[in-house]
């Protein structure tokens, strides 16, 4: 199922095993798995009452857009296919889709550890949108034209340093920390970059030691 606020992009996909009818029009869903297909990074801890819910039974179809049509506002008329577009039953909406199916997934297992001379080592695990369920593979497919990450050092909401790295490790040297005038606590933010989409959602870790 999909649950969201009705906008073009703020949706979460989840799976469930059981749906028990507990009252007219009310179901109790159990054994859920949240945040499927990369929707975990932007999903709230709890969706508010009256959120939209859509059963993903194969009926909803992807809007076909070319790369040049991303973020371009388009006019849509939505209604019964048996009636003409000017029928009063049709809705007129203007939407601009960013193509979030191209968005890289947020990195997982972001970790840090103190190294010699006050350096800070940071590492994470890359995820993929393509063929990532092969448990026998040593590494999941890249799914992008190249492997690159955007990394930020953030303190009190201000970005003290931003850099790009081509592998899932980075060292925040003592000299860098001095140059940034950083003090505890601060955060490290990491996102995978896509040439087609840009940076995906950031994974964050708090550094307090």
N, C-alpha and C. Protein backbone atom coordinates (compact mmCIF):
# COMPACT_ATOMS: atom_id res chain seq x y z
N UNK A 1 0.84 -1.18 0.00
CA UNK A 1 0.00 0.00 0.00
C UNK A 1 0.88 1.24 0.00
N UNK A 2 0.29 2.35 -0.44
CA UNK A 2 0.94 3.65 -0.36
C UNK A 2 0.15 4.52 0.60
N UNK A 3 0.84 5.28 1.41
CA UNK A 3 0.18 6.23 2.32
C UNK A 3 0.89 7.57 2.17
N UNK A 4 0.10 8.64 2.10
CA UNK A 4 0.71 9.95 1.90
C UNK A 4 -0.26 11.08 2.15
N UNK A 5 0.20 12.29 1.81
CA UNK A 5 -0.59 13.49 2.07
C UNK A 5 -1.34 13.98 0.84
N UNK A 6 -1.28 13.22 -0.26
CA UNK A 6 -1.99 13.61 -1.46
C UNK A 6 -1.18 14.46 -2.42
N UNK A 7 0.03 14.85 -2.02
CA UNK A 7 0.89 15.63 -2.91
C UNK A 7 1.55 14.72 -3.94
N UNK A 8 2.36 15.29 -4.80
CA UNK A 8 2.98 14.50 -5.86
C UNK A 8 4.12 13.62 -5.36
N UNK A 9 4.73 13.95 -4.23
CA UNK A 9 5.97 13.26 -3.86
C UNK A 9 6.02 12.73 -2.43
N UNK A 10 5.13 13.16 -1.55
CA UNK A 10 5.25 12.78 -0.13
C UNK A 10 4.41 11.53 0.15
N UNK A 11 4.99 10.36 -0.17
CA UNK A 11 4.32 9.08 0.00
C UNK A 11 5.29 8.05 0.57
N UNK A 12 4.72 7.10 1.30
CA UNK A 12 5.48 5.96 1.80
C UNK A 12 4.83 4.68 1.29
N UNK A 13 5.65 3.73 0.86
CA UNK A 13 5.16 2.41 0.48
C UNK A 13 5.41 1.44 1.63
N UNK A 14 4.41 0.62 1.94
CA UNK A 14 4.59 -0.39 2.98
C UNK A 14 3.88 -1.68 2.58
N UNK A 15 4.33 -2.76 3.15
CA UNK A 15 3.72 -4.06 2.93
C UNK A 15 3.07 -4.54 4.22
N UNK A 16 2.10 -5.44 4.09
CA UNK A 16 1.46 -6.02 5.26
C UNK A 16 1.03 -7.45 4.93
N UNK A 17 0.83 -8.24 5.98
CA UNK A 17 0.43 -9.64 5.81
C UNK A 17 -1.06 -9.83 6.02
N UNK A 18 -1.61 -9.17 7.07
CA UNK A 18 -3.01 -9.39 7.42
C UNK A 18 -3.78 -8.07 7.41
N UNK A 19 -5.02 -8.13 6.97
CA UNK A 19 -5.94 -7.00 7.02
C UNK A 19 -7.26 -7.50 7.59
N UNK A 20 -7.52 -7.19 8.85
CA UNK A 20 -8.73 -7.67 9.54
C UNK A 20 -9.76 -6.54 9.59
N UNK A 21 -10.96 -6.84 9.11
CA UNK A 21 -12.05 -5.88 9.17
C UNK A 21 -12.57 -5.82 10.61
N UNK A 22 -12.39 -4.68 11.26
CA UNK A 22 -12.77 -4.53 12.67
C UNK A 22 -14.02 -3.68 12.85
N UNK A 23 -14.42 -2.94 11.82
CA UNK A 23 -15.63 -2.13 11.83
C UNK A 23 -15.94 -1.78 10.37
N UNK A 24 -17.15 -1.34 10.08
CA UNK A 24 -17.47 -1.00 8.68
C UNK A 24 -16.48 0.01 8.11
N UNK A 25 -15.74 -0.40 7.08
CA UNK A 25 -14.78 0.48 6.43
C UNK A 25 -13.49 0.68 7.19
N UNK A 26 -13.25 -0.07 8.27
CA UNK A 26 -12.04 0.10 9.09
C UNK A 26 -11.32 -1.24 9.18
N UNK A 27 -10.04 -1.23 8.81
CA UNK A 27 -9.23 -2.44 8.83
C UNK A 27 -8.06 -2.27 9.79
N UNK A 28 -7.69 -3.38 10.41
CA UNK A 28 -6.49 -3.44 11.25
C UNK A 28 -5.42 -4.17 10.46
N UNK A 29 -4.37 -3.45 10.06
CA UNK A 29 -3.29 -4.04 9.27
C UNK A 29 -2.17 -4.47 10.22
N UNK A 30 -1.70 -5.68 10.05
CA UNK A 30 -0.67 -6.19 10.95
C UNK A 30 0.48 -6.80 10.16
N UNK A 31 1.60 -7.00 10.86
CA UNK A 31 2.83 -7.52 10.26
C UNK A 31 3.26 -6.65 9.08
N UNK A 32 3.40 -5.37 9.37
CA UNK A 32 3.78 -4.40 8.34
C UNK A 32 5.30 -4.30 8.19
N UNK A 33 5.72 -3.95 6.99
CA UNK A 33 7.11 -3.58 6.71
C UNK A 33 7.06 -2.19 6.08
N UNK A 34 7.60 -1.20 6.78
CA UNK A 34 7.50 0.18 6.33
C UNK A 34 8.69 0.57 5.45
N UNK A 35 8.54 1.71 4.77
CA UNK A 35 9.64 2.33 4.05
C UNK A 35 10.17 1.53 2.90
N UNK A 36 9.30 0.91 2.12
CA UNK A 36 9.76 0.11 0.99
C UNK A 36 10.12 1.01 -0.20
N UNK A 37 10.94 0.46 -1.09
CA UNK A 37 11.33 1.14 -2.34
C UNK A 37 11.96 2.50 -2.09
N UNK A 38 12.73 2.62 -1.00
CA UNK A 38 13.45 3.86 -0.74
C UNK A 38 12.64 4.96 -0.12
N UNK A 39 11.38 4.67 0.30
CA UNK A 39 10.55 5.72 0.90
C UNK A 39 10.81 5.88 2.39
N UNK A 40 11.76 5.13 2.94
CA UNK A 40 12.04 5.20 4.38
C UNK A 40 12.64 6.53 4.79
N UNK A 41 13.44 7.13 3.92
CA UNK A 41 14.20 8.32 4.31
C UNK A 41 13.30 9.52 4.60
N UNK A 42 12.16 9.61 3.95
CA UNK A 42 11.30 10.77 4.11
C UNK A 42 10.00 10.46 4.83
N UNK A 43 9.82 9.22 5.27
CA UNK A 43 8.58 8.84 5.94
C UNK A 43 8.57 9.37 7.37
N UNK A 44 7.44 9.92 7.83
CA UNK A 44 7.37 10.38 9.22
C UNK A 44 7.27 9.20 10.17
N UNK A 45 7.52 9.45 11.44
CA UNK A 45 7.38 8.39 12.43
C UNK A 45 5.95 7.88 12.49
N UNK A 46 4.99 8.77 12.28
CA UNK A 46 3.59 8.39 12.31
C UNK A 46 2.82 9.28 11.34
N UNK A 47 2.01 8.68 10.48
CA UNK A 47 1.19 9.45 9.57
C UNK A 47 -0.05 9.96 10.32
N UNK A 48 -0.44 11.18 10.06
CA UNK A 48 -1.61 11.72 10.77
C UNK A 48 -2.91 11.09 10.29
N UNK A 49 -3.94 11.21 11.10
CA UNK A 49 -5.26 10.74 10.69
C UNK A 49 -5.69 11.46 9.41
N UNK A 50 -6.49 10.77 8.61
CA UNK A 50 -7.02 11.28 7.34
C UNK A 50 -5.97 11.35 6.24
N UNK A 51 -4.82 10.67 6.42
CA UNK A 51 -3.87 10.55 5.33
C UNK A 51 -4.48 9.69 4.23
N UNK A 52 -4.02 9.89 3.00
CA UNK A 52 -4.51 9.11 1.87
C UNK A 52 -3.85 7.73 1.87
N UNK A 53 -4.62 6.69 1.58
CA UNK A 53 -4.10 5.33 1.49
C UNK A 53 -4.56 4.73 0.18
N UNK A 54 -3.62 4.13 -0.57
CA UNK A 54 -3.92 3.56 -1.88
C UNK A 54 -3.42 2.12 -1.90
N UNK A 55 -4.30 1.19 -2.25
CA UNK A 55 -3.90 -0.21 -2.39
C UNK A 55 -3.16 -0.38 -3.72
N UNK A 56 -1.92 -0.80 -3.65
CA UNK A 56 -1.09 -0.95 -4.85
C UNK A 56 -1.33 -2.34 -5.45
N UNK A 57 -2.45 -2.45 -6.17
CA UNK A 57 -2.88 -3.73 -6.72
C UNK A 57 -2.58 -3.86 -8.21
N UNK A 58 -1.71 -3.00 -8.73
CA UNK A 58 -1.41 -3.02 -10.15
C UNK A 58 -2.22 -2.04 -10.96
N UNK A 59 -3.24 -1.45 -10.33
CA UNK A 59 -4.07 -0.48 -11.03
C UNK A 59 -3.37 0.85 -11.28
N UNK A 60 -2.74 1.46 -10.24
CA UNK A 60 -2.02 2.73 -10.48
C UNK A 60 -0.85 2.54 -11.44
N UNK A 61 -0.72 3.46 -12.38
CA UNK A 61 0.33 3.37 -13.39
C UNK A 61 1.27 4.57 -13.29
N UNK A 62 2.51 4.34 -13.65
CA UNK A 62 3.52 5.39 -13.64
C UNK A 62 3.25 6.39 -14.76
N UNK A 63 3.32 7.67 -14.44
CA UNK A 63 3.23 8.70 -15.47
C UNK A 63 4.53 8.68 -16.27
N UNK A 64 4.43 8.57 -17.57
CA UNK A 64 5.62 8.49 -18.43
C UNK A 64 6.13 9.91 -18.71
N UNK A 65 7.37 10.16 -18.28
CA UNK A 65 7.99 11.46 -18.49
C UNK A 65 9.40 11.25 -19.02
N UNK A 66 9.81 12.12 -19.92
CA UNK A 66 11.19 12.11 -20.38
C UNK A 66 12.05 12.88 -19.38
N UNK A 67 13.37 12.74 -19.50
CA UNK A 67 14.27 13.44 -18.59
C UNK A 67 14.08 14.94 -18.66
N UNK A 68 13.80 15.46 -19.85
CA UNK A 68 13.65 16.91 -20.02
C UNK A 68 12.34 17.43 -19.43
N UNK A 69 11.40 16.54 -19.09
CA UNK A 69 10.11 16.97 -18.55
C UNK A 69 10.06 16.94 -17.02
N UNK A 70 11.16 16.53 -16.38
CA UNK A 70 11.20 16.56 -14.93
C UNK A 70 11.06 17.98 -14.40
N UNK A 71 10.25 18.15 -13.37
CA UNK A 71 10.02 19.45 -12.72
C UNK A 71 9.35 20.47 -13.63
N UNK A 72 8.79 20.00 -14.74
CA UNK A 72 8.08 20.89 -15.65
C UNK A 72 6.58 20.78 -15.37
N UNK A 73 5.94 21.89 -15.07
CA UNK A 73 4.51 21.88 -14.75
C UNK A 73 3.70 21.47 -15.97
N UNK A 74 2.81 20.51 -15.77
CA UNK A 74 1.95 20.03 -16.85
C UNK A 74 0.51 20.02 -16.37
N UNK A 75 -0.42 20.17 -17.32
CA UNK A 75 -1.84 20.18 -17.02
C UNK A 75 -2.42 18.78 -17.20
N UNK A 76 -3.15 18.32 -16.20
CA UNK A 76 -3.78 17.00 -16.25
C UNK A 76 -5.28 17.14 -16.04
N UNK A 77 -6.04 16.38 -16.85
CA UNK A 77 -7.48 16.28 -16.64
C UNK A 77 -7.77 14.83 -16.28
N UNK A 78 -8.43 14.65 -15.13
CA UNK A 78 -8.61 13.32 -14.55
C UNK A 78 -10.10 13.04 -14.40
N UNK A 79 -10.53 11.92 -14.97
CA UNK A 79 -11.95 11.57 -14.88
C UNK A 79 -12.25 10.25 -15.56
N UNK A 80 -13.52 9.89 -15.68
CA UNK A 80 -13.91 8.61 -16.29
C UNK A 80 -13.51 8.56 -17.76
N UNK A 81 -12.90 7.46 -18.16
CA UNK A 81 -12.43 7.33 -19.54
C UNK A 81 -13.58 7.28 -20.54
N UNK A 82 -14.80 6.93 -20.07
CA UNK A 82 -15.93 6.85 -20.99
C UNK A 82 -16.52 8.22 -21.33
N UNK A 83 -16.04 9.27 -20.63
CA UNK A 83 -16.59 10.61 -20.86
C UNK A 83 -15.52 11.51 -21.47
N UNK A 84 -15.96 12.61 -22.06
CA UNK A 84 -15.03 13.54 -22.70
C UNK A 84 -14.34 14.39 -21.64
N UNK A 85 -13.21 14.99 -22.05
CA UNK A 85 -12.41 15.75 -21.10
C UNK A 85 -13.11 16.98 -20.54
N UNK A 86 -14.11 17.51 -21.28
CA UNK A 86 -14.80 18.70 -20.79
C UNK A 86 -16.01 18.37 -19.93
N UNK A 87 -16.17 17.09 -19.58
CA UNK A 87 -17.28 16.69 -18.72
C UNK A 87 -17.07 17.25 -17.32
N UNK A 88 -18.15 17.70 -16.63
CA UNK A 88 -18.01 18.27 -15.28
C UNK A 88 -17.40 17.31 -14.26
N UNK A 89 -17.42 16.01 -14.53
CA UNK A 89 -16.85 15.05 -13.58
C UNK A 89 -15.32 15.07 -13.58
N UNK A 90 -14.71 15.70 -14.58
CA UNK A 90 -13.25 15.71 -14.67
C UNK A 90 -12.65 16.77 -13.74
N UNK A 91 -11.50 16.42 -13.16
CA UNK A 91 -10.72 17.36 -12.37
C UNK A 91 -9.58 17.91 -13.22
N UNK A 92 -9.23 19.16 -12.99
CA UNK A 92 -8.10 19.79 -13.66
C UNK A 92 -7.02 20.07 -12.63
N UNK A 93 -5.83 19.46 -12.81
CA UNK A 93 -4.73 19.69 -11.87
C UNK A 93 -3.45 20.02 -12.63
N UNK A 94 -2.62 20.84 -12.01
CA UNK A 94 -1.32 21.19 -12.56
C UNK A 94 -0.26 20.59 -11.64
N UNK A 95 0.55 19.72 -12.16
CA UNK A 95 1.56 19.02 -11.36
C UNK A 95 2.92 19.08 -12.05
N UNK A 96 3.97 19.15 -11.25
CA UNK A 96 5.35 19.06 -11.74
C UNK A 96 6.03 17.94 -10.98
N UNK A 97 6.41 16.89 -11.66
CA UNK A 97 6.98 15.70 -11.03
C UNK A 97 8.50 15.74 -11.13
N UNK A 98 9.16 15.44 -10.03
CA UNK A 98 10.62 15.50 -9.99
C UNK A 98 11.29 14.19 -10.36
N UNK A 99 10.51 13.14 -10.61
CA UNK A 99 11.10 11.86 -11.00
C UNK A 99 11.80 11.17 -9.86
N UNK A 100 11.11 11.06 -8.71
CA UNK A 100 11.78 10.51 -7.53
C UNK A 100 12.10 9.03 -7.66
N UNK A 101 11.58 8.38 -8.71
CA UNK A 101 12.01 7.01 -8.98
C UNK A 101 13.48 6.93 -9.35
N UNK A 102 14.07 8.06 -9.74
CA UNK A 102 15.50 8.14 -10.05
C UNK A 102 16.34 8.51 -8.84
N UNK A 103 15.69 8.84 -7.73
CA UNK A 103 16.40 9.34 -6.55
C UNK A 103 17.21 8.22 -5.89
N UNK A 104 18.50 8.43 -5.64
CA UNK A 104 19.28 7.41 -4.93
C UNK A 104 18.72 7.17 -3.53
N UNK A 105 18.91 5.97 -3.04
CA UNK A 105 18.48 5.65 -1.68
C UNK A 105 19.47 6.22 -0.67
N UNK A 106 18.97 6.51 0.50
CA UNK A 106 19.83 7.04 1.57
C UNK A 106 20.82 5.96 2.00
N UNK A 107 22.09 6.30 2.19
CA UNK A 107 23.07 5.31 2.68
C UNK A 107 22.65 4.73 4.02
N UNK A 108 23.13 3.52 4.30
CA UNK A 108 22.77 2.83 5.54
C UNK A 108 24.01 2.63 6.41
N UNK A 109 23.77 2.37 7.70
CA UNK A 109 24.82 2.01 8.66
C UNK A 109 25.95 3.05 8.68
N UNK A 110 25.58 4.31 8.77
CA UNK A 110 26.57 5.38 8.90
C UNK A 110 27.22 5.28 10.29
N UNK A 111 28.54 5.16 10.31
CA UNK A 111 29.27 4.97 11.57
C UNK A 111 30.48 5.90 11.62
N UNK A 112 30.93 6.15 12.83
CA UNK A 112 32.14 6.96 13.02
C UNK A 112 33.00 6.34 14.11
N UNK A 113 34.30 6.62 14.05
CA UNK A 113 35.21 6.17 15.11
C UNK A 113 36.42 7.09 15.13
N UNK A 114 36.92 7.29 16.33
CA UNK A 114 38.07 8.15 16.50
C UNK A 114 39.34 7.40 16.09
N UNK A 115 40.20 8.10 15.35
CA UNK A 115 41.46 7.54 14.87
C UNK A 115 42.61 8.23 15.61
N UNK A 116 43.80 7.95 15.16
CA UNK A 116 44.97 8.56 15.78
C UNK A 116 44.98 10.07 15.57
N UNK A 117 45.59 10.77 16.49
CA UNK A 117 45.81 12.22 16.41
C UNK A 117 44.52 13.02 16.29
N UNK A 118 43.43 12.46 16.80
CA UNK A 118 42.18 13.21 16.82
C UNK A 118 41.38 13.15 15.54
N UNK A 119 41.86 12.41 14.53
CA UNK A 119 41.09 12.27 13.29
C UNK A 119 39.80 11.50 13.56
N UNK A 120 38.81 11.71 12.69
CA UNK A 120 37.53 11.02 12.81
C UNK A 120 37.28 10.24 11.52
N UNK A 121 37.13 8.93 11.63
CA UNK A 121 36.83 8.10 10.48
C UNK A 121 35.34 7.87 10.36
N UNK A 122 34.81 8.01 9.15
CA UNK A 122 33.37 7.84 8.90
C UNK A 122 33.21 6.82 7.78
N UNK A 123 32.25 5.91 7.93
CA UNK A 123 31.98 4.91 6.90
C UNK A 123 30.48 4.66 6.81
N UNK A 124 30.04 4.11 5.69
CA UNK A 124 28.63 3.81 5.49
C UNK A 124 28.50 2.70 4.45
N UNK A 125 27.28 2.20 4.27
CA UNK A 125 26.99 1.15 3.31
C UNK A 125 26.11 1.72 2.20
N UNK A 126 26.52 1.49 0.96
CA UNK A 126 25.73 1.96 -0.19
C UNK A 126 24.51 1.08 -0.40
N UNK A 127 23.42 1.70 -0.79
CA UNK A 127 22.21 0.98 -1.18
C UNK A 127 21.96 1.19 -2.68
N UNK A 128 21.01 0.47 -3.22
CA UNK A 128 20.75 0.56 -4.65
C UNK A 128 19.27 0.44 -4.95
N UNK A 129 18.83 1.07 -6.02
CA UNK A 129 17.44 0.94 -6.47
C UNK A 129 17.27 -0.24 -7.42
N UNK A 130 18.38 -0.84 -7.88
CA UNK A 130 18.33 -1.83 -8.96
C UNK A 130 18.89 -3.15 -8.48
N UNK A 131 18.10 -4.21 -8.54
CA UNK A 131 18.54 -5.58 -8.24
C UNK A 131 19.27 -5.67 -6.90
N UNK A 132 18.71 -5.06 -5.89
CA UNK A 132 19.37 -5.07 -4.59
C UNK A 132 19.00 -6.23 -3.69
N UNK A 133 18.14 -7.14 -4.17
CA UNK A 133 17.67 -8.24 -3.33
C UNK A 133 18.41 -9.55 -3.57
N UNK A 134 19.52 -9.50 -4.27
CA UNK A 134 20.31 -10.71 -4.50
C UNK A 134 21.21 -10.95 -3.30
N UNK A 135 20.85 -11.92 -2.45
CA UNK A 135 21.58 -12.17 -1.21
C UNK A 135 22.90 -12.89 -1.43
N UNK A 136 23.11 -13.47 -2.62
CA UNK A 136 24.35 -14.20 -2.87
C UNK A 136 25.44 -13.31 -3.44
N UNK A 137 25.10 -12.08 -3.84
CA UNK A 137 26.10 -11.18 -4.42
C UNK A 137 26.99 -10.59 -3.33
N UNK A 138 28.25 -10.34 -3.68
CA UNK A 138 29.18 -9.72 -2.73
C UNK A 138 28.78 -8.27 -2.47
N UNK A 139 28.34 -7.57 -3.49
CA UNK A 139 27.95 -6.17 -3.38
C UNK A 139 26.76 -5.94 -4.29
N UNK A 140 25.86 -5.05 -3.89
CA UNK A 140 24.71 -4.74 -4.73
C UNK A 140 25.15 -3.91 -5.93
N UNK A 141 24.41 -3.96 -7.05
CA UNK A 141 24.79 -3.16 -8.22
C UNK A 141 24.79 -1.67 -7.89
N UNK A 142 25.61 -0.93 -8.60
CA UNK A 142 25.72 0.50 -8.33
C UNK A 142 24.44 1.24 -8.67
N UNK A 143 23.87 0.99 -9.85
CA UNK A 143 22.62 1.64 -10.22
C UNK A 143 22.77 3.08 -10.67
N UNK A 144 24.00 3.61 -10.70
CA UNK A 144 24.26 4.98 -11.15
C UNK A 144 25.43 4.96 -12.13
N UNK A 145 25.61 6.05 -12.84
CA UNK A 145 26.70 6.13 -13.81
C UNK A 145 28.06 6.09 -13.12
N UNK A 146 28.13 6.58 -11.89
CA UNK A 146 29.37 6.58 -11.13
C UNK A 146 29.04 6.61 -9.64
N UNK A 147 29.99 6.19 -8.83
CA UNK A 147 29.78 6.19 -7.38
C UNK A 147 30.35 7.48 -6.80
N UNK A 148 29.49 8.29 -6.25
CA UNK A 148 29.91 9.54 -5.64
C UNK A 148 28.92 9.93 -4.55
N UNK A 149 29.44 10.52 -3.48
CA UNK A 149 28.62 10.90 -2.34
C UNK A 149 28.87 12.36 -2.00
N UNK A 150 27.84 13.01 -1.50
CA UNK A 150 27.96 14.35 -0.95
C UNK A 150 28.01 14.21 0.56
N UNK A 151 29.01 14.81 1.18
CA UNK A 151 29.20 14.71 2.63
C UNK A 151 29.27 16.11 3.22
N UNK A 152 28.56 16.31 4.31
CA UNK A 152 28.53 17.61 4.97
C UNK A 152 28.85 17.47 6.45
N UNK A 153 29.55 18.46 6.96
CA UNK A 153 29.75 18.62 8.40
C UNK A 153 28.82 19.76 8.83
N UNK A 154 27.91 19.46 9.75
CA UNK A 154 26.87 20.42 10.12
C UNK A 154 26.90 20.63 11.63
N UNK A 155 26.83 21.89 12.03
CA UNK A 155 26.76 22.22 13.46
C UNK A 155 25.72 23.30 13.66
N UNK A 156 24.76 23.02 14.54
CA UNK A 156 23.68 23.96 14.85
C UNK A 156 22.97 24.43 13.59
N UNK A 157 22.81 23.50 12.64
CA UNK A 157 22.10 23.80 11.40
C UNK A 157 22.94 24.47 10.31
N UNK A 158 24.17 24.84 10.62
CA UNK A 158 25.04 25.50 9.65
C UNK A 158 26.00 24.48 9.03
N UNK A 159 26.19 24.54 7.72
CA UNK A 159 27.11 23.65 7.02
C UNK A 159 28.52 24.22 7.13
N UNK A 160 29.37 23.55 7.88
CA UNK A 160 30.75 24.01 8.05
C UNK A 160 31.66 23.53 6.93
N UNK A 161 31.35 22.38 6.37
CA UNK A 161 32.17 21.82 5.29
C UNK A 161 31.29 20.93 4.42
N UNK A 162 31.50 21.01 3.11
CA UNK A 162 30.82 20.12 2.16
C UNK A 162 31.85 19.61 1.16
N UNK A 163 31.85 18.31 0.93
CA UNK A 163 32.82 17.71 0.02
C UNK A 163 32.19 16.54 -0.70
N UNK A 164 32.85 16.04 -1.73
CA UNK A 164 32.41 14.87 -2.48
C UNK A 164 33.47 13.80 -2.37
N UNK A 165 33.02 12.56 -2.21
CA UNK A 165 33.94 11.43 -2.14
C UNK A 165 33.43 10.33 -3.06
N UNK A 166 34.35 9.50 -3.55
CA UNK A 166 34.00 8.47 -4.52
C UNK A 166 33.95 7.07 -3.92
N UNK A 167 34.03 6.98 -2.61
CA UNK A 167 33.95 5.70 -1.93
C UNK A 167 33.26 5.89 -0.57
N UNK A 168 32.70 4.83 0.00
CA UNK A 168 31.89 4.98 1.22
C UNK A 168 32.71 5.11 2.51
N UNK A 169 33.77 5.87 2.47
CA UNK A 169 34.59 6.16 3.66
C UNK A 169 35.11 7.58 3.54
N UNK A 170 35.36 8.20 4.69
CA UNK A 170 35.92 9.55 4.70
C UNK A 170 36.59 9.79 6.04
N UNK A 171 37.67 10.56 6.02
CA UNK A 171 38.39 10.90 7.24
C UNK A 171 38.31 12.41 7.46
N UNK A 172 37.76 12.78 8.59
CA UNK A 172 37.70 14.18 9.01
C UNK A 172 38.91 14.42 9.87
N UNK A 173 39.95 14.93 9.24
CA UNK A 173 41.23 15.05 9.93
C UNK A 173 41.18 16.13 11.01
N UNK A 174 42.14 16.03 11.92
CA UNK A 174 42.23 17.02 12.99
C UNK A 174 42.46 18.42 12.42
N UNK A 175 43.25 18.50 11.34
CA UNK A 175 43.50 19.80 10.70
C UNK A 175 42.21 20.38 10.12
N UNK A 176 41.37 19.53 9.51
CA UNK A 176 40.09 19.99 8.97
C UNK A 176 39.20 20.51 10.10
N UNK A 177 39.18 19.77 11.22
CA UNK A 177 38.33 20.17 12.35
C UNK A 177 38.77 21.52 12.91
N UNK A 178 40.08 21.73 12.95
CA UNK A 178 40.59 23.02 13.42
C UNK A 178 40.22 24.14 12.46
N UNK A 179 40.35 23.86 11.16
CA UNK A 179 40.02 24.87 10.16
C UNK A 179 38.54 25.23 10.18
N UNK A 180 37.68 24.23 10.49
CA UNK A 180 36.24 24.47 10.53
C UNK A 180 35.79 25.07 11.86
N UNK A 181 36.70 25.09 12.86
CA UNK A 181 36.35 25.56 14.20
C UNK A 181 35.16 24.79 14.75
N UNK A 182 35.12 23.50 14.47
CA UNK A 182 34.01 22.67 14.91
C UNK A 182 34.21 22.25 16.37
N UNK A 183 33.11 22.10 17.09
CA UNK A 183 33.16 21.63 18.47
C UNK A 183 32.02 20.65 18.69
N UNK A 184 32.15 19.83 19.69
CA UNK A 184 31.12 18.84 20.00
C UNK A 184 29.90 19.53 20.62
N UNK A 185 28.70 19.03 20.28
CA UNK A 185 28.42 17.98 19.29
C UNK A 185 28.24 18.59 17.90
N UNK A 186 28.44 17.77 16.87
CA UNK A 186 28.15 18.17 15.50
C UNK A 186 27.66 16.95 14.74
N UNK A 187 27.23 17.15 13.51
CA UNK A 187 26.65 16.07 12.73
C UNK A 187 27.41 15.86 11.42
N UNK A 188 27.41 14.61 10.95
CA UNK A 188 27.89 14.27 9.61
C UNK A 188 26.68 13.83 8.80
N UNK A 189 26.48 14.43 7.63
CA UNK A 189 25.39 14.08 6.73
C UNK A 189 25.98 13.49 5.45
N UNK A 190 25.43 12.38 4.96
CA UNK A 190 25.93 11.73 3.75
C UNK A 190 24.76 11.38 2.84
N UNK A 191 24.89 11.67 1.55
CA UNK A 191 23.88 11.31 0.55
C UNK A 191 24.59 10.81 -0.70
N UNK A 192 23.97 9.85 -1.36
CA UNK A 192 24.52 9.39 -2.64
C UNK A 192 24.05 10.33 -3.74
N UNK A 193 24.93 10.57 -4.71
CA UNK A 193 24.66 11.48 -5.81
C UNK A 193 24.29 10.72 -7.07
N UNK A 194 23.33 11.24 -7.82
CA UNK A 194 22.95 10.70 -9.12
C UNK A 194 23.13 11.78 -10.17
N UNK A 195 23.76 11.44 -11.29
CA UNK A 195 23.90 12.41 -12.38
C UNK A 195 22.54 12.80 -12.95
N UNK A 196 21.56 11.88 -12.88
CA UNK A 196 20.25 12.14 -13.44
C UNK A 196 19.35 12.92 -12.48
N UNK A 197 19.50 12.68 -11.16
CA UNK A 197 18.57 13.27 -10.19
C UNK A 197 19.22 14.31 -9.31
N UNK A 198 20.48 14.11 -8.95
CA UNK A 198 21.13 14.94 -7.94
C UNK A 198 21.28 14.14 -6.66
N UNK A 199 21.50 14.79 -5.52
CA UNK A 199 21.68 14.04 -4.28
C UNK A 199 20.37 13.44 -3.79
N UNK A 200 20.47 12.23 -3.24
CA UNK A 200 19.32 11.61 -2.61
C UNK A 200 19.17 12.10 -1.18
N UNK A 201 18.32 11.45 -0.40
CA UNK A 201 18.15 11.84 1.01
C UNK A 201 19.44 11.64 1.80
N UNK A 202 19.66 12.51 2.77
CA UNK A 202 20.86 12.43 3.60
C UNK A 202 20.62 11.52 4.80
N UNK A 203 21.62 10.69 5.11
CA UNK A 203 21.68 9.96 6.36
C UNK A 203 22.55 10.77 7.32
N UNK A 204 22.18 10.80 8.61
CA UNK A 204 22.87 11.66 9.56
C UNK A 204 23.37 10.87 10.77
N UNK A 205 24.46 11.33 11.31
CA UNK A 205 24.98 10.77 12.56
C UNK A 205 25.46 11.91 13.43
N UNK A 206 25.17 11.82 14.72
CA UNK A 206 25.61 12.83 15.67
C UNK A 206 26.97 12.43 16.24
N UNK A 207 27.91 13.36 16.23
CA UNK A 207 29.23 13.13 16.80
C UNK A 207 29.30 13.90 18.12
N UNK A 208 29.39 13.17 19.21
CA UNK A 208 29.42 13.83 20.53
C UNK A 208 30.57 13.35 21.41
N UNK A 209 31.50 12.60 20.83
CA UNK A 209 32.69 12.19 21.59
C UNK A 209 33.92 12.39 20.74
